[in-house]
């Protein structure tokens, strides 16, 4: 019987429901859902530290911050700008640096000038909210001694100097 059956030409046609004949499945929603699932969350906002003693020269500042969570961080984005004394009208240019560590020394700054700093953490999932802003101040320029005005006697000396700084200096230390 099998031999006879195999000799026949069989036109096999499967009947399907009309709903299934040209059905196109849209996976875009599933793909969006899968892409939105991250293995790590975006980091929390870092906490910027106040200016440490001896962290400034006349042209540089060392800025430090911390991340008080177990977030995965690939790098940090440190932003800064000079603090303007002219109110809101004098917008200063913002500078941005990518940093791998939780500290950075910024150079080529102006002496005796206030700078505002803030930092964000980045990983594959995104960027954190920025930290609170902190104000750091560079050290004043050394004063210029007016050598023609120096006077001295056996028990005293008069030394005069002038400051080239725009902002007022709190105090001077004279070493003998």
C-alpha atoms as a PDB file:
ATOM      1  CA  UNK A   1       0.000   0.000   0.000  1.00  0.00           C
ATOM      2  CA  UNK A   2       2.769   2.345   0.771  1.00  0.00           C
ATOM      3  CA  UNK A   3       4.278   1.794  -2.651  1.00  0.00           C
ATOM      4  CA  UNK A   4       0.988   2.634  -4.350  1.00  0.00           C
ATOM      5  CA  UNK A   5       0.544   5.728  -2.234  1.00  0.00           C
ATOM      6  CA  UNK A   6       4.006   7.048  -3.053  1.00  0.00           C
ATOM      7  CA  UNK A   7       3.371   6.651  -6.800  1.00  0.00           C
ATOM      8  CA  UNK A   8       0.399   9.003  -6.646  1.00  0.00           C
ATOM      9  CA  UNK A   9       0.867  12.700  -7.029  1.00  0.00           C
ATOM     10  CA  UNK A  10      -0.421  14.349  -3.970  1.00  0.00           C
ATOM     11  CA  UNK A  11      -1.306  18.023  -3.969  1.00  0.00           C
ATOM     12  CA  UNK A  12      -1.079  18.823  -0.328  1.00  0.00           C
ATOM     13  CA  UNK A  13      -2.541  22.169   0.655  1.00  0.00           C
ATOM     14  CA  UNK A  14      -2.921  23.200   4.234  1.00  0.00           C
ATOM     15  CA  UNK A  15      -5.904  25.222   5.060  1.00  0.00           C
ATOM     16  CA  UNK A  16      -5.338  28.122   7.407  1.00  0.00           C
ATOM     17  CA  UNK A  17      -7.555  30.605   9.027  1.00  0.00           C
ATOM     18  CA  UNK A  18      -7.643  33.963   7.214  1.00  0.00           C
ATOM     19  CA  UNK A  19      -6.326  35.647  10.413  1.00  0.00           C
ATOM     20  CA  UNK A  20      -3.036  33.784  10.153  1.00  0.00           C
ATOM     21  CA  UNK A  21      -2.298  34.054   6.466  1.00  0.00           C
ATOM     22  CA  UNK A  22      -0.452  37.395   6.361  1.00  0.00           C
ATOM     23  CA  UNK A  23       0.119  38.204   9.955  1.00  0.00           C
ATOM     24  CA  UNK A  24       3.016  40.591  10.702  1.00  0.00           C
ATOM     25  CA  UNK A  25       4.156  40.684  14.279  1.00  0.00           C
ATOM     26  CA  UNK A  26       5.373  44.064  15.565  1.00  0.00           C
ATOM     27  CA  UNK A  27       8.172  43.607  18.090  1.00  0.00           C
ATOM     28  CA  UNK A  28       9.021  47.330  18.431  1.00  0.00           C
ATOM     29  CA  UNK A  29       7.326  47.642  21.836  1.00  0.00           C
ATOM     30  CA  UNK A  30       9.123  44.550  23.108  1.00  0.00           C
ATOM     31  CA  UNK A  31      12.413  45.898  21.746  1.00  0.00           C
ATOM     32  CA  UNK A  32      11.863  49.252  23.501  1.00  0.00           C
ATOM     33  CA  UNK A  33      11.069  47.451  26.732  1.00  0.00           C
ATOM     34  CA  UNK A  34      14.188  45.294  26.448  1.00  0.00           C
ATOM     35  CA  UNK A  35      16.352  48.351  25.695  1.00  0.00           C
ATOM     36  CA  UNK A  36      14.969  50.195  28.697  1.00  0.00           C
ATOM     37  CA  UNK A  37      16.064  47.432  31.062  1.00  0.00           C
ATOM     38  CA  UNK A  38      19.556  48.306  32.264  1.00  0.00           C
ATOM     39  CA  UNK A  39      21.749  46.092  34.309  1.00  0.00           C
ATOM     40  CA  UNK A  40      22.998  49.079  36.329  1.00  0.00           C
ATOM     41  CA  UNK A  41      21.095  52.206  37.354  1.00  0.00           C
ATOM     42  CA  UNK A  42      22.257  55.737  36.617  1.00  0.00           C
ATOM     43  CA  UNK A  43      24.432  57.006  39.495  1.00  0.00           C
ATOM     44  CA  UNK A  44      23.294  59.252  42.335  1.00  0.00           C
ATOM     45  CA  UNK A  45      24.533  62.829  42.591  1.00  0.00           C
ATOM     46  CA  UNK A  46      28.087  63.163  43.954  1.00  0.00           C
ATOM     47  CA  UNK A  47      28.816  65.353  46.984  1.00  0.00           C
ATOM     48  CA  UNK A  48      31.393  68.086  46.364  1.00  0.00           C
ATOM     49  CA  UNK A  49      33.753  68.848  49.255  1.00  0.00           C
ATOM     50  CA  UNK A  50      34.387  72.354  50.589  1.00  0.00           C
ATOM     51  CA  UNK A  51      37.759  73.891  49.763  1.00  0.00           C
ATOM     52  CA  UNK A  52      40.532  72.303  51.808  1.00  0.00           C
ATOM     53  CA  UNK A  53      43.346  74.377  53.371  1.00  0.00           C
ATOM     54  CA  UNK A  54      46.400  74.701  51.115  1.00  0.00           C
ATOM     55  CA  UNK A  55      44.415  73.443  48.092  1.00  0.00           C
ATOM     56  CA  UNK A  56      45.003  76.635  46.105  1.00  0.00           C
ATOM     57  CA  UNK A  57      47.781  78.542  44.452  1.00  0.00           C
ATOM     58  CA  UNK A  58      47.472  81.798  42.598  1.00  0.00           C
ATOM     59  CA  UNK A  59      46.613  79.965  39.369  1.00  0.00           C
ATOM     60  CA  UNK A  60      45.282  76.542  40.411  1.00  0.00           C
ATOM     61  CA  UNK A  61      42.722  74.810  42.641  1.00  0.00           C
ATOM     62  CA  UNK A  62      42.413  71.197  43.784  1.00  0.00           C
ATOM     63  CA  UNK A  63      38.732  70.186  43.888  1.00  0.00           C
ATOM     64  CA  UNK A  64      37.556  66.971  45.617  1.00  0.00           C
ATOM     65  CA  UNK A  65      34.210  65.160  45.797  1.00  0.00           C
ATOM     66  CA  UNK A  66      32.767  61.842  46.849  1.00  0.00           C
ATOM     67  CA  UNK A  67      30.060  59.395  45.873  1.00  0.00           C
ATOM     68  CA  UNK A  68      28.221  58.122  48.928  1.00  0.00           C
ATOM     69  CA  UNK A  69      26.586  55.105  47.316  1.00  0.00           C
ATOM     70  CA  UNK A  70      27.651  51.848  45.697  1.00  0.00           C
ATOM     71  CA  UNK A  71      26.860  53.163  42.215  1.00  0.00           C
ATOM     72  CA  UNK A  72      28.981  52.110  39.273  1.00  0.00           C
ATOM     73  CA  UNK A  73      30.733  55.155  37.811  1.00  0.00           C
ATOM     74  CA  UNK A  74      32.776  55.270  34.614  1.00  0.00           C
ATOM     75  CA  UNK A  75      33.845  58.904  34.940  1.00  0.00           C
ATOM     76  CA  UNK A  76      32.870  62.274  36.373  1.00  0.00           C
ATOM     77  CA  UNK A  77      31.983  65.509  34.658  1.00  0.00           C
ATOM     78  CA  UNK A  78      33.422  68.506  36.533  1.00  0.00           C
ATOM     79  CA  UNK A  79      32.015  71.910  35.609  1.00  0.00           C
ATOM     80  CA  UNK A  80      33.213  75.304  36.792  1.00  0.00           C
ATOM     81  CA  UNK A  81      32.982  79.002  36.081  1.00  0.00           C
ATOM     82  CA  UNK A  82      34.260  82.194  37.674  1.00  0.00           C
ATOM     83  CA  UNK A  83      31.831  83.822  40.099  1.00  0.00           C
ATOM     84  CA  UNK A  84      30.702  87.079  38.552  1.00  0.00           C
ATOM     85  CA  UNK A  85      30.583  90.234  40.683  1.00  0.00           C
ATOM     86  CA  UNK A  86      28.337  91.974  38.156  1.00  0.00           C
ATOM     87  CA  UNK A  87      25.134  90.115  39.068  1.00  0.00           C
ATOM     88  CA  UNK A  88      23.157  88.070  36.552  1.00  0.00           C
ATOM     89  CA  UNK A  89      24.011  90.236  33.534  1.00  0.00           C
ATOM     90  CA  UNK A  90      27.656  89.155  33.344  1.00  0.00           C
ATOM     91  CA  UNK A  91      27.267  85.478  32.421  1.00  0.00           C
ATOM     92  CA  UNK A  92      30.614  83.722  32.617  1.00  0.00           C
ATOM     93  CA  UNK A  93      31.642  80.866  30.351  1.00  0.00           C
ATOM     94  CA  UNK A  94      31.324  77.396  31.878  1.00  0.00           C
ATOM     95  CA  UNK A  95      34.168  74.906  31.529  1.00  0.00           C
ATOM     96  CA  UNK A  96      33.670  71.120  31.603  1.00  0.00           C
ATOM     97  CA  UNK A  97      36.247  68.401  32.236  1.00  0.00           C
ATOM     98  CA  UNK A  98      35.898  64.597  32.182  1.00  0.00           C
ATOM     99  CA  UNK A  99      37.714  63.069  35.144  1.00  0.00           C
ATOM    100  CA  UNK A 100      38.269  59.425  36.179  1.00  0.00           C
ATOM    101  CA  UNK A 101      39.189  60.174  39.832  1.00  0.00           C
ATOM    102  CA  UNK A 102      37.228  61.880  42.643  1.00  0.00           C
ATOM    103  CA  UNK A 103      39.563  64.882  42.540  1.00  0.00           C
ATOM    104  CA  UNK A 104      41.007  67.241  39.963  1.00  0.00           C
ATOM    105  CA  UNK A 105      43.540  70.081  39.902  1.00  0.00           C
ATOM    106  CA  UNK A 106      42.393  72.898  37.644  1.00  0.00           C
ATOM    107  CA  UNK A 107      45.145  75.162  36.305  1.00  0.00           C
ATOM    108  CA  UNK A 108      45.405  78.429  34.366  1.00  0.00           C
ATOM    109  CA  UNK A 109      43.042  80.256  36.741  1.00  0.00           C
ATOM    110  CA  UNK A 110      43.136  83.894  37.789  1.00  0.00           C
ATOM    111  CA  UNK A 111      44.682  84.820  41.178  1.00  0.00           C
ATOM    112  CA  UNK A 112      42.396  85.794  44.087  1.00  0.00           C
ATOM    113  CA  UNK A 113      39.279  84.818  42.130  1.00  0.00           C
ATOM    114  CA  UNK A 114      36.213  82.874  43.211  1.00  0.00           C
ATOM    115  CA  UNK A 115      35.172  79.891  41.103  1.00  0.00           C
ATOM    116  CA  UNK A 116      31.953  77.899  41.356  1.00  0.00           C
ATOM    117  CA  UNK A 117      32.265  74.105  40.919  1.00  0.00           C
ATOM    118  CA  UNK A 118      29.760  71.253  40.519  1.00  0.00           C
ATOM    119  CA  UNK A 119      30.161  67.623  39.452  1.00  0.00           C
ATOM    120  CA  UNK A 120      28.051  64.797  37.936  1.00  0.00           C
ATOM    121  CA  UNK A 121      28.744  61.052  37.722  1.00  0.00           C
ATOM    122  CA  UNK A 122      28.381  59.081  34.477  1.00  0.00           C
ATOM    123  CA  UNK A 123      27.971  55.409  33.613  1.00  0.00           C
ATOM    124  CA  UNK A 124      26.509  53.392  30.721  1.00  0.00           C
ATOM    125  CA  UNK A 125      22.965  54.043  31.968  1.00  0.00           C
ATOM    126  CA  UNK A 126      23.256  57.819  32.043  1.00  0.00           C
ATOM    127  CA  UNK A 127      24.352  60.874  33.989  1.00  0.00           C
ATOM    128  CA  UNK A 128      23.550  61.684  37.607  1.00  0.00           C
ATOM    129  CA  UNK A 129      21.995  64.919  38.779  1.00  0.00           C
ATOM    130  CA  UNK A 130      24.666  67.563  39.483  1.00  0.00           C
ATOM    131  CA  UNK A 131      26.096  67.991  42.964  1.00  0.00           C
ATOM    132  CA  UNK A 132      25.452  71.086  45.020  1.00  0.00           C
ATOM    133  CA  UNK A 133      27.643  73.972  43.899  1.00  0.00           C
ATOM    134  CA  UNK A 134      30.747  74.879  45.904  1.00  0.00           C
ATOM    135  CA  UNK A 135      32.774  78.080  45.729  1.00  0.00           C
ATOM    136  CA  UNK A 136      36.578  77.847  45.805  1.00  0.00           C
ATOM    137  CA  UNK A 137      39.025  80.783  45.809  1.00  0.00           C
ATOM    138  CA  UNK A 138      42.494  80.934  44.272  1.00  0.00           C
ATOM    139  CA  UNK A 139      45.326  82.390  46.351  1.00  0.00           C
ATOM    140  CA  UNK A 140      46.162  86.063  45.897  1.00  0.00           C
ATOM    141  CA  UNK A 141      49.127  87.158  43.789  1.00  0.00           C
ATOM    142  CA  UNK A 142      52.229  87.956  45.790  1.00  0.00           C
ATOM    143  CA  UNK A 143      52.451  91.677  46.506  1.00  0.00           C
ATOM    144  CA  UNK A 144      55.137  93.840  44.959  1.00  0.00           C
ATOM    145  CA  UNK A 145      57.511  95.403  47.492  1.00  0.00           C
ATOM    146  CA  UNK A 146      58.178  99.082  46.861  1.00  0.00           C
ATOM    147  CA  UNK A 147      61.939  99.012  47.316  1.00  0.00           C
ATOM    148  CA  UNK A 148      62.316 102.809  47.075  1.00  0.00           C
ATOM    149  CA  UNK A 149      60.037 103.272  50.106  1.00  0.00           C
ATOM    150  CA  UNK A 150      61.860 100.865  52.455  1.00  0.00           C
ATOM    151  CA  UNK A 151      63.165 102.626  55.579  1.00  0.00           C
ATOM    152  CA  UNK A 152      64.987 101.086  58.486  1.00  0.00           C
ATOM    153  CA  UNK A 153      66.722 101.977  61.688  1.00  0.00           C
ATOM    154  CA  UNK A 154      68.348  99.994  64.507  1.00  0.00           C
ATOM    155  CA  UNK A 155      65.049  98.693  66.024  1.00  0.00           C
ATOM    156  CA  UNK A 156      62.520  98.908  63.179  1.00  0.00           C
ATOM    157  CA  UNK A 157      61.898  98.637  59.471  1.00  0.00           C
ATOM    158  CA  UNK A 158      59.225 100.152  57.259  1.00  0.00           C
ATOM    159  CA  UNK A 159      58.298  97.978  54.289  1.00  0.00           C
ATOM    160  CA  UNK A 160      55.649  99.072  51.789  1.00  0.00           C
ATOM    161  CA  UNK A 161      54.032  96.911  49.133  1.00  0.00           C
ATOM    162  CA  UNK A 162      51.141  97.011  46.732  1.00  0.00           C
ATOM    163  CA  UNK A 163      48.751  94.313  45.678  1.00  0.00           C
ATOM    164  CA  UNK A 164      47.849  93.620  42.069  1.00  0.00           C
ATOM    165  CA  UNK A 165      44.688  91.777  43.118  1.00  0.00           C
ATOM    166  CA  UNK A 166      41.255  93.085  42.172  1.00  0.00           C
ATOM    167  CA  UNK A 167      39.490  91.433  45.118  1.00  0.00           C
ATOM    168  CA  UNK A 168      40.481  92.550  48.619  1.00  0.00           C
ATOM    169  CA  UNK A 169      43.055  90.439  50.471  1.00  0.00           C
ATOM    170  CA  UNK A 170      42.209  89.457  54.074  1.00  0.00           C
ATOM    171  CA  UNK A 171      45.724  89.660  55.458  1.00  0.00           C
ATOM    172  CA  UNK A 172      49.421  89.578  54.663  1.00  0.00           C
ATOM    173  CA  UNK A 173      52.190  87.672  56.388  1.00  0.00           C
ATOM    174  CA  UNK A 174      55.587  89.335  56.565  1.00  0.00           C
ATOM    175  CA  UNK A 175      58.567  87.067  57.146  1.00  0.00           C
ATOM    176  CA  UNK A 176      61.942  88.337  58.269  1.00  0.00           C
END
